[in-house]
Amino acid sequence: MTSFDEVMTKEAGQRQAVMAAQRQLLESRYDLAPRLDPQAKMSRGTPLCIGATARLAGSVTFEQLATLAPSELRERGLFPYLRTVK
């Protein structure tokens, strides 16, 4: 049986590697740079983010994606929010 302290020490030691792997996954899927609309604001003056955040595979544009059928998106693996199973 493993004690709580042993598990906590082991998990805490892996934190940096886990956080780095998650950050890399997020940056590969999404454009994390904030793009704010200079005119549109929420209540209390908070600016609104605009634009797409998904990174598309290859040289495909969002306009090209809009013209494709769902079955073609699946076949070509172009949907930007792919589910990864490990």
Protein backbone atom coordinates (compact mmCIF):
# COMPACT_ATOMS: atom_id res chain seq x y z
CA MET A 1 0.00 0.00 0.00
CA THR A 2 1.31 3.46 -0.91
CA SER A 3 0.98 6.25 1.62
CA PHE A 4 -0.58 9.58 0.82
CA ASP A 5 2.75 11.37 1.29
CA GLU A 6 4.48 9.07 -1.21
CA VAL A 7 1.76 9.65 -3.81
CA MET A 8 1.80 13.40 -3.19
CA THR A 9 5.60 13.57 -3.56
CA LYS A 10 5.52 11.52 -6.77
CA GLU A 11 2.69 13.57 -8.32
CA ALA A 12 4.29 16.88 -7.31
CA GLY A 13 7.53 15.79 -8.98
CA GLN A 14 5.71 15.15 -12.25
CA ARG A 15 3.84 18.46 -12.26
CA GLN A 16 6.30 20.38 -14.49
CA ALA A 17 6.32 17.65 -17.17
CA VAL A 18 2.52 17.33 -17.15
CA MET A 19 2.01 21.10 -17.36
CA ALA A 20 4.53 21.37 -20.23
CA ALA A 21 2.82 18.57 -22.17
CA GLN A 22 -0.61 20.19 -21.71
CA ARG A 23 0.71 23.60 -22.77
CA GLN A 24 2.27 22.06 -25.90
CA LEU A 25 -1.02 20.33 -26.75
CA LEU A 26 -3.00 23.57 -26.31
CA GLU A 27 -0.55 25.59 -28.41
CA SER A 28 -0.63 22.99 -31.20
CA ARG A 29 -4.45 23.12 -31.36
CA TYR A 30 -5.24 26.75 -30.59
CA ASP A 31 -3.93 30.25 -31.21
CA LEU A 32 -3.67 31.44 -27.61
CA ALA A 33 -2.77 35.06 -28.40
CA PRO A 34 -5.65 37.34 -27.40
CA ARG A 35 -7.13 39.46 -30.20
CA LEU A 36 -9.44 42.08 -28.73
CA ASP A 37 -12.11 44.09 -30.52
CA PRO A 38 -11.32 47.79 -29.98
CA GLN A 39 -15.01 48.79 -29.94
CA ALA A 40 -17.02 45.85 -28.61
CA LYS A 41 -17.10 45.67 -24.82
CA MET A 42 -18.83 43.58 -22.21
CA SER A 43 -20.52 45.18 -19.25
CA ARG A 44 -18.05 47.12 -17.08
CA GLY A 45 -15.90 47.81 -20.16
CA THR A 46 -14.14 44.46 -20.50
CA PRO A 47 -13.04 44.04 -24.15
CA LEU A 48 -14.32 41.08 -26.19
CA CYS A 49 -12.01 38.58 -27.85
CA ILE A 50 -12.60 38.13 -31.58
CA GLY A 51 -11.61 35.70 -34.27
CA ALA A 52 -11.11 31.98 -34.53
CA THR A 53 -8.81 30.28 -32.05
CA ALA A 54 -8.45 26.85 -33.68
CA ARG A 55 -5.33 26.09 -35.69
CA LEU A 56 -6.18 24.41 -38.96
CA ALA A 57 -4.23 21.55 -40.47
CA GLY A 58 -2.01 22.38 -43.43
CA SER A 59 -2.92 25.29 -45.65
CA VAL A 60 -6.70 24.98 -45.29
CA THR A 61 -8.60 28.19 -44.52
CA PHE A 62 -11.85 28.57 -42.59
CA GLU A 63 -13.51 29.67 -45.85
CA GLN A 64 -12.48 26.39 -47.50
CA LEU A 65 -13.72 24.42 -44.50
CA ALA A 66 -17.13 26.07 -44.81
CA THR A 67 -17.59 24.63 -48.31
CA LEU A 68 -16.86 21.01 -47.34
CA ALA A 69 -19.43 18.39 -46.36
CA PRO A 70 -19.15 16.86 -42.87
CA SER A 71 -18.21 13.48 -44.34
CA GLU A 72 -15.35 15.06 -46.31
CA LEU A 73 -14.09 16.82 -43.18
CA ARG A 74 -14.02 13.47 -41.37
CA GLU A 75 -12.32 11.65 -44.27
CA ARG A 76 -9.61 14.29 -44.62
CA GLY A 77 -9.19 14.81 -40.85
CA LEU A 78 -9.67 18.56 -41.14
CA PHE A 79 -12.00 19.29 -38.24
CA PRO A 80 -9.99 21.66 -36.00
CA TYR A 81 -11.14 20.29 -32.64
CA LEU A 82 -10.04 16.66 -32.91
CA ARG A 83 -10.49 14.35 -29.98
CA THR A 84 -7.36 12.54 -28.91
CA VAL A 85 -7.63 9.20 -27.19
CA LYS A 86 -4.64 7.77 -25.35
